Protein backbone atom coordinates (compact mmCIF):
# COMPACT_ATOMS: atom_id res chain seq x y z
CA UNK A 1 -9.12 18.68 18.09
CA UNK A 2 -11.78 18.08 15.49
CA UNK A 3 -12.91 14.69 16.69
CA UNK A 4 -13.74 13.92 20.30
CA UNK A 5 -12.83 10.46 21.46
CA UNK A 6 -14.62 8.30 24.01
CA UNK A 7 -13.23 5.34 25.96
CA UNK A 8 -13.82 2.89 23.12
CA UNK A 9 -11.52 5.05 20.96
CA UNK A 10 -14.21 5.53 18.31
CA UNK A 11 -14.72 9.14 17.28
CA UNK A 12 -18.10 10.04 18.75
CA UNK A 13 -18.93 12.88 16.38
CA UNK A 14 -18.21 10.68 13.36
CA UNK A 15 -20.21 7.84 14.87
CA UNK A 16 -23.23 10.12 14.95
CA UNK A 17 -22.59 11.63 11.54
CA UNK A 18 -21.84 8.32 9.80
CA UNK A 19 -23.60 5.55 11.71
CA UNK A 20 -23.19 3.05 8.90
CA UNK A 21 -19.45 3.56 8.86
CA UNK A 22 -18.41 4.07 12.48
CA UNK A 23 -21.24 2.79 14.55
CA UNK A 24 -24.31 0.74 15.03
CA UNK A 25 -25.66 0.14 11.54
CA UNK A 26 -23.09 -2.45 10.50
CA UNK A 27 -23.51 -3.90 7.01
CA UNK A 28 -24.32 -7.56 6.76
CA UNK A 29 -21.37 -9.89 6.15
CA UNK A 30 -22.75 -10.78 2.72
CA UNK A 31 -23.35 -7.16 1.64
CA UNK A 32 -21.15 -7.14 -1.45
CA UNK A 33 -21.35 -3.36 -1.77
CA UNK A 34 -20.02 -2.59 1.72
CA UNK A 35 -16.32 -1.75 1.89
CA UNK A 36 -14.27 -4.84 2.71
CA UNK A 37 -12.98 -3.30 5.95
CA UNK A 38 -16.62 -3.15 7.15
CA UNK A 39 -17.47 -6.72 6.19
CA UNK A 40 -14.87 -8.02 8.64
CA UNK A 41 -12.25 -8.98 6.07
CA UNK A 42 -9.69 -6.48 7.37
CA UNK A 43 -10.49 -5.75 11.03
CA UNK A 44 -7.08 -4.19 11.82
CA UNK A 45 -7.36 -1.82 8.90
CA UNK A 46 -10.86 -0.93 10.05
CA UNK A 47 -9.50 -0.09 13.51
CA UNK A 48 -6.88 2.18 11.97
CA UNK A 49 -9.41 3.89 9.72
CA UNK A 50 -11.84 4.41 12.59
CA UNK A 51 -9.46 6.82 14.33
CA UNK A 52 -8.93 8.97 11.23
CA UNK A 53 -5.80 10.41 12.77
CA UNK A 54 -3.46 12.19 10.39
CA UNK A 55 -0.33 10.58 11.78
CA UNK A 56 -1.70 7.08 12.12
CA UNK A 57 1.18 4.69 12.54
CA UNK A 58 1.17 1.51 10.54
CA UNK A 59 3.15 -1.62 11.13
CA UNK A 60 4.57 -4.27 8.84
CA UNK A 61 1.33 -6.27 8.61
CA UNK A 62 -0.63 -3.12 7.76
CA UNK A 63 1.82 -2.30 4.98
CA UNK A 64 1.62 -5.85 3.61
CA UNK A 65 -2.16 -5.68 3.61
CA UNK A 66 -2.20 -2.23 2.02
CA UNK A 67 0.15 -3.46 -0.69
CA UNK A 68 -2.28 -6.23 -1.63
CA UNK A 69 -5.26 -3.89 -1.45
CA UNK A 70 -3.62 -1.26 -3.70
CA UNK A 71 -2.90 -3.87 -6.36
CA UNK A 72 -6.50 -5.12 -6.23
CA UNK A 73 -7.75 -1.54 -6.53
CA UNK A 74 -5.49 -0.93 -9.52
CA UNK A 75 -6.74 -4.06 -11.26
CA UNK A 76 -10.37 -3.20 -10.55
CA UNK A 77 -9.99 0.36 -11.85
CA UNK A 78 -8.20 -0.85 -14.98
CA UNK A 79 -10.97 -3.37 -15.61
CA UNK A 80 -13.47 -0.50 -15.43
CA UNK A 81 -11.45 1.46 -17.99
CA UNK A 82 -10.24 4.01 -15.43
CA UNK A 83 -6.55 3.95 -16.36
CA UNK A 84 -5.68 7.23 -14.62
CA UNK A 85 -6.99 5.85 -11.34
CA UNK A 86 -5.43 2.42 -11.90
CA UNK A 87 -1.86 3.58 -12.47
CA UNK A 88 -1.44 5.39 -9.18
CA UNK A 89 -2.34 2.60 -6.69
CA UNK A 90 -0.33 0.03 -8.65
CA UNK A 91 2.84 1.96 -7.83
CA UNK A 92 1.78 2.45 -4.24
CA UNK A 93 1.41 -1.31 -3.99
CA UNK A 94 5.17 -1.69 -4.48
CA UNK A 95 5.96 1.26 -2.21
CA UNK A 96 3.94 -0.27 0.64
CA UNK A 97 5.57 -3.66 0.08
CA UNK A 98 9.10 -2.24 0.24
CA UNK A 99 8.18 -0.24 3.33
CA UNK A 100 7.01 -3.52 4.90
CA UNK A 101 10.58 -4.76 4.31
CA UNK A 102 11.90 -1.67 6.07
CA UNK A 103 9.53 -2.30 8.98
CA UNK A 104 10.89 -5.84 9.25
CA UNK A 105 14.20 -4.40 10.49
CA UNK A 106 12.59 -2.08 13.02
CA UNK A 107 13.07 -3.42 16.52
CA UNK A 108 10.62 -2.79 19.33
CA UNK A 109 11.85 -0.14 21.79
CA UNK A 110 14.80 0.68 19.54
CA UNK A 111 15.58 4.34 19.03
CA UNK A 112 15.65 4.69 15.21
CA UNK A 113 18.56 6.09 13.25
CA UNK A 114 17.38 9.53 12.08
CA UNK A 115 18.79 9.25 8.57
CA UNK A 116 17.22 5.83 8.03
CA UNK A 117 13.89 6.97 9.46
CA UNK A 118 13.84 10.08 7.25
CA UNK A 119 14.81 8.02 4.19
CA UNK A 120 11.89 5.67 4.85
CA UNK A 121 9.45 8.46 3.99
CA UNK A 122 10.63 8.59 0.38
CA UNK A 123 8.43 7.63 -2.56
CA UNK A 124 11.44 6.81 -4.77
CA UNK A 125 11.39 3.03 -5.06
CA UNK A 126 15.12 2.68 -5.79
CA UNK A 127 15.93 4.63 -2.61
CA UNK A 128 13.50 2.52 -0.59
CA UNK A 129 15.22 -0.66 -1.80
CA UNK A 130 18.44 0.74 -0.32
CA UNK A 131 16.79 1.67 2.99
CA UNK A 132 15.27 -1.85 3.13
CA UNK A 133 18.79 -3.33 2.77
CA UNK A 134 17.79 -5.17 -0.40
CA UNK A 135 20.41 -3.80 -2.81
CA UNK A 136 22.43 -7.04 -3.10
CA UNK A 137 19.46 -9.36 -3.64
CA UNK A 138 17.85 -6.78 -5.92
CA UNK A 139 20.98 -6.64 -8.06
CA UNK A 140 21.11 -10.45 -8.18
CA UNK A 141 17.47 -10.63 -9.30
CA UNK A 142 18.02 -7.98 -11.98
CA UNK A 143 21.00 -9.93 -13.34
CA UNK A 144 19.37 -13.35 -13.25
CA UNK A 145 15.86 -12.52 -14.54
CA UNK A 146 15.59 -10.36 -17.66
CA UNK A 147 11.79 -10.18 -17.41
CA UNK A 148 12.06 -8.93 -13.83
CA UNK A 149 14.59 -6.31 -15.02
CA UNK A 150 12.11 -5.10 -17.66
CA UNK A 151 9.33 -5.01 -15.08
CA UNK A 152 11.53 -3.20 -12.54
CA UNK A 153 12.31 -0.50 -15.13
CA UNK A 154 8.59 -0.05 -15.72
CA UNK A 155 7.80 0.12 -12.00
CA UNK A 156 10.75 2.41 -11.26
CA UNK A 157 9.32 5.02 -13.63
CA UNK A 158 6.26 5.34 -11.32
CA UNK A 159 6.10 8.40 -9.11
CA UNK A 160 3.67 9.54 -6.45
CA UNK A 161 3.23 12.61 -8.66
CA UNK A 162 1.46 10.37 -11.17
CA UNK A 163 -1.79 11.21 -9.41
CA UNK A 164 -1.61 14.57 -11.22
CA UNK A 165 -0.93 13.08 -14.66
CA UNK A 166 -3.28 11.57 -17.22
CA UNK A 167 -2.26 7.99 -17.94
CA UNK A 168 -2.98 5.90 -21.00
CA UNK A 169 -4.71 2.57 -20.70
CA UNK A 170 -1.62 0.85 -22.06
CA UNK A 171 0.67 2.46 -19.45
CA UNK A 172 -1.64 1.40 -16.65
CA UNK A 173 -1.83 -2.17 -17.96
CA UNK A 174 1.96 -2.34 -18.29
CA UNK A 175 2.50 -1.10 -14.73
CA UNK A 176 -0.10 -3.46 -13.26
CA UNK A 177 1.49 -6.38 -15.13
CA UNK A 178 4.98 -5.36 -13.98
CA UNK A 179 3.80 -5.15 -10.38
CA UNK A 180 1.49 -8.15 -10.23
CA UNK A 181 2.89 -10.76 -12.61
CA UNK A 182 2.94 -13.99 -10.54
CA UNK A 183 6.22 -15.33 -11.99
CA UNK A 184 8.38 -12.25 -12.60
CA UNK A 185 6.51 -9.32 -11.05
CA UNK A 186 8.12 -6.83 -8.72
CA UNK A 187 5.61 -7.43 -5.94
CA UNK A 188 6.30 -11.17 -6.08
CA UNK A 189 10.01 -10.44 -5.53
CA UNK A 190 9.44 -7.98 -2.68
CA UNK A 191 7.16 -10.47 -0.92
CA UNK A 192 10.10 -12.87 -0.70
CA UNK A 193 11.79 -10.38 1.64
CA UNK A 194 8.99 -8.82 3.68
C-alpha cells in the first residue's frame, strides 16, 4: 500500500507532503485561487479526493455534482481558448449525469445484476441510456424536440477517446452548447430523470 492511513482516514504521508491540500494549512474561504473542494463548496467531493483510492466508489449525488463540475470546467477551458481540454469534460458531464440515473435504480443491500453492473461501466452514451432505463422517454424527447435531437446527435459523437484527439474550437463550442443549453440541452433532459 502506497499510502498509510490513520484513524481519521486521511493519508498521513500525503498530509505531510502536501499540507495545503490534505492537512493543516487550509486556504481561506475567500481564496479565489484555491480549488473549490478546499474552500468548502464541495465537502463530500473533498472527502472522496482525500483518500485517493483507485477504486473510490461514488454515489448518485457525487455523480450529479461531478456532472455539473465537468460542464463548468468545459466552459472555463473554452473561454480560455483551450478547445482540446474543453471538449473532453463536456462529454463526461453527460456520462456522469446518465450514470446518476443508473445509480437512482440501485437499491441499498441489493445484489446487482452482473450484466447491468458491467454495462454501467461503458462510456457509450446511447448504451448508458439503455442501462438507465431511459429509452422510452429518450425516444419521446427525440421525436418531440428537433433541437434536442440535433444536440443529442452532437453529444452522441463524443467518446472518452477524445482526450487523445485535437479538437477545433468550433467543435468544442458545439458540444458545450449541446450539453449545456438551458432549454434544449442534453444535460437539462437527463436532470429531469436523475
